[in-house]
Amino acid sequence: MNKRVSRALALLLVPTLGALLMRLLYYTNKIKFHSPDTITTNPLIFTCWHGELLMLPFLYRKYRKKPHAKVLISPHFDGKLIAKTIRYFGLDTLSGSSDKSPARVLIQAIKSLKEGYDIGITPDGPKGPRHEVADGVIVMAQKTGAKIILLEVKPTKYWMLNSWDRFVIPKPFGTIHYYATSEIDVSGLSLEEARTLIKEGLLRHEK
């Protein structure tokens, strides 16, 4: 089987199976939310580390019963798999990364925020360094006035992949703890101040 055919099959099968697996893992775990009961209806930037993004759609649905969000996704093949998978959860995508057309995707994200979409972004994606905040999330917040919500997903039982981001997959029959901050305003901060605030917030429950 050549690469083109194998990728076509993967795009056909993996997203469907992935979405089913995500739901299976969610419903076979106890779920605990450590987060505000309500958030603003204004467009927000939802931010988490790349290694914790797998189960994030369920936290987003806690706040937005009708999803209206675009997630920044890598243009690489694995990004295409993720994009098709999260569409099962009503989430749209913007294709781009810090190393390919960063200005273009940043402009698209800013435009989407102004159009009323929430934005989902992993500030250390798509290739790292792990747990380091790139400028994009800060720039789009300051250009639009959008607030940021920092998210953490911490399962008590999990597999951790040997990847740059140490990607976490929950195991069944544990507890998934979802942490979300209140809305954070970085409009009056320097890039370095905002970067420190975001990084520290996303590492609050890191072991």
C-alpha atoms as a PDB file:
ATOM      1  CA  MET A   1       0.000   0.000   0.000  1.00  0.00           C
ATOM      2  CA  ASN A   2       1.516   3.311  -1.045  1.00  0.00           C
ATOM      3  CA  LYS A   3       1.633   6.393   1.164  1.00  0.00           C
ATOM      4  CA  ARG A   4      -1.155   8.204  -0.662  1.00  0.00           C
ATOM      5  CA  VAL A   5      -3.592   5.321  -0.263  1.00  0.00           C
ATOM      6  CA  SER A   6      -2.682   4.720   3.384  1.00  0.00           C
ATOM      7  CA  ARG A   7      -3.198   8.391   4.203  1.00  0.00           C
ATOM      8  CA  ALA A   8      -6.554   8.432   2.434  1.00  0.00           C
ATOM      9  CA  LEU A   9      -7.671   5.418   4.481  1.00  0.00           C
ATOM     10  CA  ALA A  10      -6.419   7.055   7.661  1.00  0.00           C
ATOM     11  CA  LEU A  11      -8.386  10.227   6.918  1.00  0.00           C
ATOM     12  CA  LEU A  12     -11.469   8.099   6.327  1.00  0.00           C
ATOM     13  CA  LEU A  13     -11.211   5.870   9.395  1.00  0.00           C
ATOM     14  CA  VAL A  14      -9.119   7.519  12.117  1.00  0.00           C
ATOM     15  CA  PRO A  15     -11.332  10.573  12.818  1.00  0.00           C
ATOM     16  CA  THR A  16     -14.465   8.454  13.258  1.00  0.00           C
ATOM     17  CA  LEU A  17     -12.699   5.947  15.483  1.00  0.00           C
ATOM     18  CA  GLY A  18     -10.937   8.746  17.349  1.00  0.00           C
ATOM     19  CA  ALA A  19     -14.189  10.529  18.153  1.00  0.00           C
ATOM     20  CA  LEU A  20     -15.717   7.268  19.364  1.00  0.00           C
ATOM     21  CA  LEU A  21     -12.673   6.560  21.536  1.00  0.00           C
ATOM     22  CA  MET A  22     -12.800  10.057  23.045  1.00  0.00           C
ATOM     23  CA  ARG A  23     -16.445   9.569  24.008  1.00  0.00           C
ATOM     24  CA  LEU A  24     -15.707   6.112  25.404  1.00  0.00           C
ATOM     25  CA  LEU A  25     -12.882   7.461  27.558  1.00  0.00           C
ATOM     26  CA  TYR A  26     -14.999  10.382  28.737  1.00  0.00           C
ATOM     27  CA  TYR A  27     -17.989   8.295  29.760  1.00  0.00           C
ATOM     28  CA  THR A  28     -15.910   5.581  31.450  1.00  0.00           C
ATOM     29  CA  ASN A  29     -14.255   8.143  33.730  1.00  0.00           C
ATOM     30  CA  LYS A  30     -15.576  10.165  36.608  1.00  0.00           C
ATOM     31  CA  ILE A  31     -15.565  13.833  35.609  1.00  0.00           C
ATOM     32  CA  LYS A  32     -14.766  16.683  37.972  1.00  0.00           C
ATOM     33  CA  PHE A  33     -14.881  20.299  36.850  1.00  0.00           C
ATOM     34  CA  HIS A  34     -12.855  22.849  38.791  1.00  0.00           C
ATOM     35  CA  SER A  35     -13.980  25.894  36.910  1.00  0.00           C
ATOM     36  CA  PRO A  36     -16.315  28.910  36.927  1.00  0.00           C
ATOM     37  CA  ASP A  37     -19.992  27.998  36.626  1.00  0.00           C
ATOM     38  CA  THR A  38     -20.536  30.516  33.847  1.00  0.00           C
ATOM     39  CA  ILE A  39     -18.425  32.598  31.475  1.00  0.00           C
ATOM     40  CA  THR A  40     -19.091  35.562  29.230  1.00  0.00           C
ATOM     41  CA  THR A  41     -20.957  35.108  25.967  1.00  0.00           C
ATOM     42  CA  ASN A  42     -18.337  37.303  24.274  1.00  0.00           C
ATOM     43  CA  PRO A  43     -15.744  35.548  22.076  1.00  0.00           C
ATOM     44  CA  LEU A  44     -12.933  34.014  24.138  1.00  0.00           C
ATOM     45  CA  ILE A  45      -9.555  32.413  23.545  1.00  0.00           C
ATOM     46  CA  PHE A  46      -9.386  28.935  25.090  1.00  0.00           C
ATOM     47  CA  THR A  47      -5.807  27.859  25.740  1.00  0.00           C
ATOM     48  CA  CYS A  48      -4.197  24.604  26.870  1.00  0.00           C
ATOM     49  CA  TRP A  49      -0.902  22.791  26.402  1.00  0.00           C
ATOM     50  CA  HIS A  50      -0.591  20.652  23.278  1.00  0.00           C
ATOM     51  CA  GLY A  51      -0.163  17.476  25.303  1.00  0.00           C
ATOM     52  CA  GLU A  52      -3.521  17.935  27.060  1.00  0.00           C
ATOM     53  CA  LEU A  53      -5.784  18.787  24.129  1.00  0.00           C
ATOM     54  CA  LEU A  54      -7.346  15.365  23.478  1.00  0.00           C
ATOM     55  CA  MET A  55     -10.306  15.623  25.852  1.00  0.00           C
ATOM     56  CA  LEU A  56     -10.759  19.379  25.637  1.00  0.00           C
ATOM     57  CA  PRO A  57     -13.966  19.409  23.523  1.00  0.00           C
ATOM     58  CA  PHE A  58     -15.944  18.149  26.505  1.00  0.00           C
ATOM     59  CA  LEU A  59     -14.884  21.093  28.662  1.00  0.00           C
ATOM     60  CA  TYR A  60     -15.764  23.501  25.866  1.00  0.00           C
ATOM     61  CA  ARG A  61     -19.240  21.962  25.601  1.00  0.00           C
ATOM     62  CA  LYS A  62     -19.754  22.646  29.292  1.00  0.00           C
ATOM     63  CA  TYR A  63     -19.808  26.357  28.478  1.00  0.00           C
ATOM     64  CA  ARG A  64     -21.025  26.489  24.889  1.00  0.00           C
ATOM     65  CA  LYS A  65     -24.035  24.259  24.318  1.00  0.00           C
ATOM     66  CA  LYS A  66     -23.909  25.314  20.677  1.00  0.00           C
ATOM     67  CA  PRO A  67     -20.212  25.257  19.716  1.00  0.00           C
ATOM     68  CA  HIS A  68     -19.024  28.313  17.834  1.00  0.00           C
ATOM     69  CA  ALA A  69     -15.257  27.985  17.771  1.00  0.00           C
ATOM     70  CA  LYS A  70     -12.281  27.620  15.481  1.00  0.00           C
ATOM     71  CA  VAL A  71      -9.236  25.690  16.647  1.00  0.00           C
ATOM     72  CA  LEU A  72      -5.757  26.461  15.322  1.00  0.00           C
ATOM     73  CA  ILE A  73      -4.420  23.234  13.851  1.00  0.00           C
ATOM     74  CA  SER A  74      -1.123  22.318  12.223  1.00  0.00           C
ATOM     75  CA  PRO A  75      -1.261  22.031   8.405  1.00  0.00           C
ATOM     76  CA  HIS A  76       0.651  18.743   8.598  1.00  0.00           C
ATOM     77  CA  PHE A  77      -1.053  15.367   8.106  1.00  0.00           C
ATOM     78  CA  ASP A  78      -1.593  14.749  11.820  1.00  0.00           C
ATOM     79  CA  GLY A  79      -3.277  18.147  11.967  1.00  0.00           C
ATOM     80  CA  LYS A  80      -5.685  17.052   9.228  1.00  0.00           C
ATOM     81  CA  LEU A  81      -6.577  14.002  11.316  1.00  0.00           C
ATOM     82  CA  ILE A  82      -7.239  16.181  14.362  1.00  0.00           C
ATOM     83  CA  ALA A  83      -9.284  18.653  12.309  1.00  0.00           C
ATOM     84  CA  LYS A  84     -11.584  15.921  10.993  1.00  0.00           C
ATOM     85  CA  THR A  85     -11.896  14.372  14.449  1.00  0.00           C
ATOM     86  CA  ILE A  86     -12.962  17.525  16.266  1.00  0.00           C
ATOM     87  CA  ARG A  87     -15.588  18.273  13.635  1.00  0.00           C
ATOM     88  CA  TYR A  88     -17.566  15.460  15.288  1.00  0.00           C
ATOM     89  CA  PHE A  89     -17.780  17.818  18.276  1.00  0.00           C
ATOM     90  CA  GLY A  90     -18.988  20.781  16.236  1.00  0.00           C
ATOM     91  CA  LEU A  91     -15.619  22.539  16.136  1.00  0.00           C
ATOM     92  CA  ASP A  92     -14.225  24.267  13.075  1.00  0.00           C
ATOM     93  CA  THR A  93     -10.503  24.767  12.387  1.00  0.00           C
ATOM     94  CA  LEU A  94      -7.941  27.241  11.120  1.00  0.00           C
ATOM     95  CA  SER A  95      -4.931  25.647   9.468  1.00  0.00           C
ATOM     96  CA  GLY A  96      -1.557  27.131  10.305  1.00  0.00           C
ATOM     97  CA  SER A  97       1.358  27.037  12.696  1.00  0.00           C
ATOM     98  CA  SER A  98       4.223  29.012  14.132  1.00  0.00           C
ATOM     99  CA  ASP A  99       6.558  27.709  11.420  1.00  0.00           C
ATOM    100  CA  LYS A 100       4.261  27.868   8.370  1.00  0.00           C
ATOM    101  CA  SER A 101       2.426  31.086   7.468  1.00  0.00           C
ATOM    102  CA  PRO A 102       2.188  32.336  11.073  1.00  0.00           C
ATOM    103  CA  ALA A 103       1.075  35.828  10.028  1.00  0.00           C
ATOM    104  CA  ARG A 104      -1.712  34.465   7.820  1.00  0.00           C
ATOM    105  CA  VAL A 105      -3.227  32.217  10.476  1.00  0.00           C
ATOM    106  CA  LEU A 106      -2.902  34.955  13.103  1.00  0.00           C
ATOM    107  CA  ILE A 107      -4.837  37.345  10.866  1.00  0.00           C
ATOM    108  CA  GLN A 108      -7.482  34.659  10.302  1.00  0.00           C
ATOM    109  CA  ALA A 109      -7.800  34.071  14.055  1.00  0.00           C
ATOM    110  CA  ILE A 110      -8.157  37.787  14.782  1.00  0.00           C
ATOM    111  CA  LYS A 111     -10.813  38.071  12.060  1.00  0.00           C
ATOM    112  CA  SER A 112     -12.676  35.067  13.484  1.00  0.00           C
ATOM    113  CA  LEU A 113     -12.694  36.563  16.987  1.00  0.00           C
ATOM    114  CA  LYS A 114     -14.131  39.781  15.582  1.00  0.00           C
ATOM    115  CA  GLU A 115     -16.798  37.723  13.790  1.00  0.00           C
ATOM    116  CA  GLY A 116     -17.871  36.208  17.116  1.00  0.00           C
ATOM    117  CA  TYR A 117     -16.029  32.883  17.113  1.00  0.00           C
ATOM    118  CA  ASP A 118     -14.167  31.522  20.095  1.00  0.00           C
ATOM    119  CA  ILE A 119     -10.600  30.476  19.327  1.00  0.00           C
ATOM    120  CA  GLY A 120      -8.836  27.378  20.625  1.00  0.00           C
ATOM    121  CA  ILE A 121      -5.051  27.398  20.628  1.00  0.00           C
ATOM    122  CA  THR A 122      -2.154  25.435  22.102  1.00  0.00           C
ATOM    123  CA  PRO A 123       0.536  28.044  22.833  1.00  0.00           C
ATOM    124  CA  ASP A 124       3.339  25.471  22.671  1.00  0.00           C
ATOM    125  CA  GLY A 125       2.113  23.782  19.483  1.00  0.00           C
ATOM    126  CA  PRO A 126       2.537  22.327  16.995  1.00  0.00           C
ATOM    127  CA  LYS A 127       6.166  21.370  17.632  1.00  0.00           C
ATOM    128  CA  GLY A 128       7.167  22.953  20.910  1.00  0.00           C
ATOM    129  CA  PRO A 129       9.211  23.650  22.876  1.00  0.00           C
ATOM    130  CA  ARG A 130       6.934  21.964  25.374  1.00  0.00           C
ATOM    131  CA  HIS A 131       5.312  24.287  27.896  1.00  0.00           C
ATOM    132  CA  GLU A 132       6.682  27.443  26.279  1.00  0.00           C
ATOM    133  CA  VAL A 133       4.216  30.164  25.277  1.00  0.00           C
ATOM    134  CA  ALA A 134       4.525  31.533  21.744  1.00  0.00           C
ATOM    135  CA  ASP A 135       3.448  35.102  21.009  1.00  0.00           C
ATOM    136  CA  GLY A 136       0.377  34.277  18.910  1.00  0.00           C
ATOM    137  CA  VAL A 137      -2.131  33.831  21.724  1.00  0.00           C
ATOM    138  CA  ILE A 138      -1.027  37.103  23.315  1.00  0.00           C
ATOM    139  CA  VAL A 139      -1.083  39.092  20.076  1.00  0.00           C
ATOM    140  CA  MET A 140      -4.581  37.970  19.107  1.00  0.00           C
ATOM    141  CA  ALA A 141      -5.887  38.787  22.597  1.00  0.00           C
ATOM    142  CA  GLN A 142      -4.338  42.242  22.606  1.00  0.00           C
ATOM    143  CA  LYS A 143      -5.430  43.054  19.046  1.00  0.00           C
ATOM    144  CA  THR A 144      -9.063  42.130  19.704  1.00  0.00           C
ATOM    145  CA  GLY A 145      -9.533  42.723  23.429  1.00  0.00           C
ATOM    146  CA  ALA A 146     -10.612  39.103  23.820  1.00  0.00           C
ATOM    147  CA  LYS A 147     -10.102  37.514  27.207  1.00  0.00           C
ATOM    148  CA  ILE A 148      -8.215  34.230  27.671  1.00  0.00           C
ATOM    149  CA  ILE A 149      -9.294  31.166  29.618  1.00  0.00           C
ATOM    150  CA  LEU A 150      -6.508  28.801  30.674  1.00  0.00           C
ATOM    151  CA  LEU A 151      -7.411  25.115  30.654  1.00  0.00           C
ATOM    152  CA  GLU A 152      -5.839  22.006  32.145  1.00  0.00           C
ATOM    153  CA  VAL A 153      -6.937  18.399  31.672  1.00  0.00           C
ATOM    154  CA  LYS A 154      -5.570  16.053  34.349  1.00  0.00           C
ATOM    155  CA  PRO A 155      -6.653  12.395  34.319  1.00  0.00           C
ATOM    156  CA  THR A 156      -5.699  10.269  37.309  1.00  0.00           C
ATOM    157  CA  LYS A 157      -4.990   7.265  35.056  1.00  0.00           C
ATOM    158  CA  TYR A 158      -3.395   7.778  31.675  1.00  0.00           C
ATOM    159  CA  TRP A 159      -0.984   6.722  28.986  1.00  0.00           C
ATOM    160  CA  MET A 160       1.740   9.232  28.121  1.00  0.00           C
ATOM    161  CA  LEU A 161       3.214   9.039  24.644  1.00  0.00           C
ATOM    162  CA  ASN A 162       6.932   9.354  24.018  1.00  0.00           C
ATOM    163  CA  SER A 163       6.412  12.486  21.920  1.00  0.00           C
ATOM    164  CA  TRP A 164       7.795  16.009  22.259  1.00  0.00           C
ATOM    165  CA  ASP A 165       4.612  17.137  24.047  1.00  0.00           C
ATOM    166  CA  ARG A 166       4.262  13.968  26.184  1.00  0.00           C
ATOM    167  CA  PHE A 167       0.737  13.595  24.839  1.00  0.00           C
ATOM    168  CA  VAL A 168      -1.699  12.316  27.468  1.00  0.00           C
ATOM    169  CA  ILE A 169      -4.473   9.782  26.784  1.00  0.00           C
ATOM    170  CA  PRO A 170      -6.766   9.007  29.734  1.00  0.00           C
ATOM    171  CA  LYS A 171      -7.307   5.390  30.700  1.00  0.00           C
ATOM    172  CA  PRO A 172     -10.836   4.179  31.506  1.00  0.00           C
ATOM    173  CA  PHE A 173     -12.178   4.004  35.044  1.00  0.00           C
ATOM    174  CA  GLY A 174     -10.249   6.869  36.571  1.00  0.00           C
ATOM    175  CA  THR A 175     -11.126  10.498  37.123  1.00  0.00           C
ATOM    176  CA  ILE A 176     -10.590  13.339  34.695  1.00  0.00           C
ATOM    177  CA  HIS A 177     -10.098  16.683  36.405  1.00  0.00           C
ATOM    178  CA  TYR A 178     -10.883  19.711  34.261  1.00  0.00           C
ATOM    179  CA  TYR A 179      -9.461  23.020  35.436  1.00  0.00           C
ATOM    180  CA  ALA A 180     -10.415  26.378  33.948  1.00  0.00           C
ATOM    181  CA  THR A 181      -9.469  29.844  35.135  1.00  0.00           C
ATOM    182  CA  SER A 182     -11.703  32.864  35.116  1.00  0.00           C
ATOM    183  CA  GLU A 183     -11.293  35.188  32.140  1.00  0.00           C
ATOM    184  CA  ILE A 184      -7.824  36.729  31.949  1.00  0.00           C
ATOM    185  CA  ASP A 185      -7.197  40.160  30.430  1.00  0.00           C
ATOM    186  CA  VAL A 186      -3.688  40.663  29.005  1.00  0.00           C
ATOM    187  CA  SER A 187      -4.423  43.910  27.166  1.00  0.00           C
ATOM    188  CA  GLY A 188      -2.322  46.054  29.485  1.00  0.00           C
ATOM    189  CA  LEU A 189       0.633  43.679  29.793  1.00  0.00           C
ATOM    190  CA  SER A 190       3.910  43.429  27.927  1.00  0.00           C
ATOM    191  CA  LEU A 191       4.566  40.289  25.915  1.00  0.00           C
ATOM    192  CA  GLU A 192       6.853  38.934  28.618  1.00  0.00           C
ATOM    193  CA  GLU A 193       4.405  39.690  31.434  1.00  0.00           C
ATOM    194  CA  ALA A 194       1.570  38.031  29.532  1.00  0.00           C
ATOM    195  CA  ARG A 195       3.733  35.035  28.628  1.00  0.00           C
ATOM    196  CA  THR A 196       4.650  34.500  32.284  1.00  0.00           C
ATOM    197  CA  LEU A 197       1.039  34.826  33.416  1.00  0.00           C
ATOM    198  CA  ILE A 198      -0.176  32.274  30.864  1.00  0.00           C
ATOM    199  CA  LYS A 199       2.622  29.790  31.501  1.00  0.00           C
ATOM    200  CA  GLU A 200       2.224  29.884  35.268  1.00  0.00           C
ATOM    201  CA  GLY A 201      -1.550  29.518  34.917  1.00  0.00           C
ATOM    202  CA  LEU A 202      -1.240  26.466  32.685  1.00  0.00           C
ATOM    203  CA  LEU A 203       1.211  24.814  35.074  1.00  0.00           C
ATOM    204  CA  ARG A 204      -0.806  25.277  38.261  1.00  0.00           C
ATOM    205  CA  HIS A 205      -1.626  21.582  38.572  1.00  0.00           C
ATOM    206  CA  GLU A 206       1.438  20.100  36.890  1.00  0.00           C
ATOM    207  CA  LYS A 207       3.023  17.383  39.018  1.00  0.00           C
END
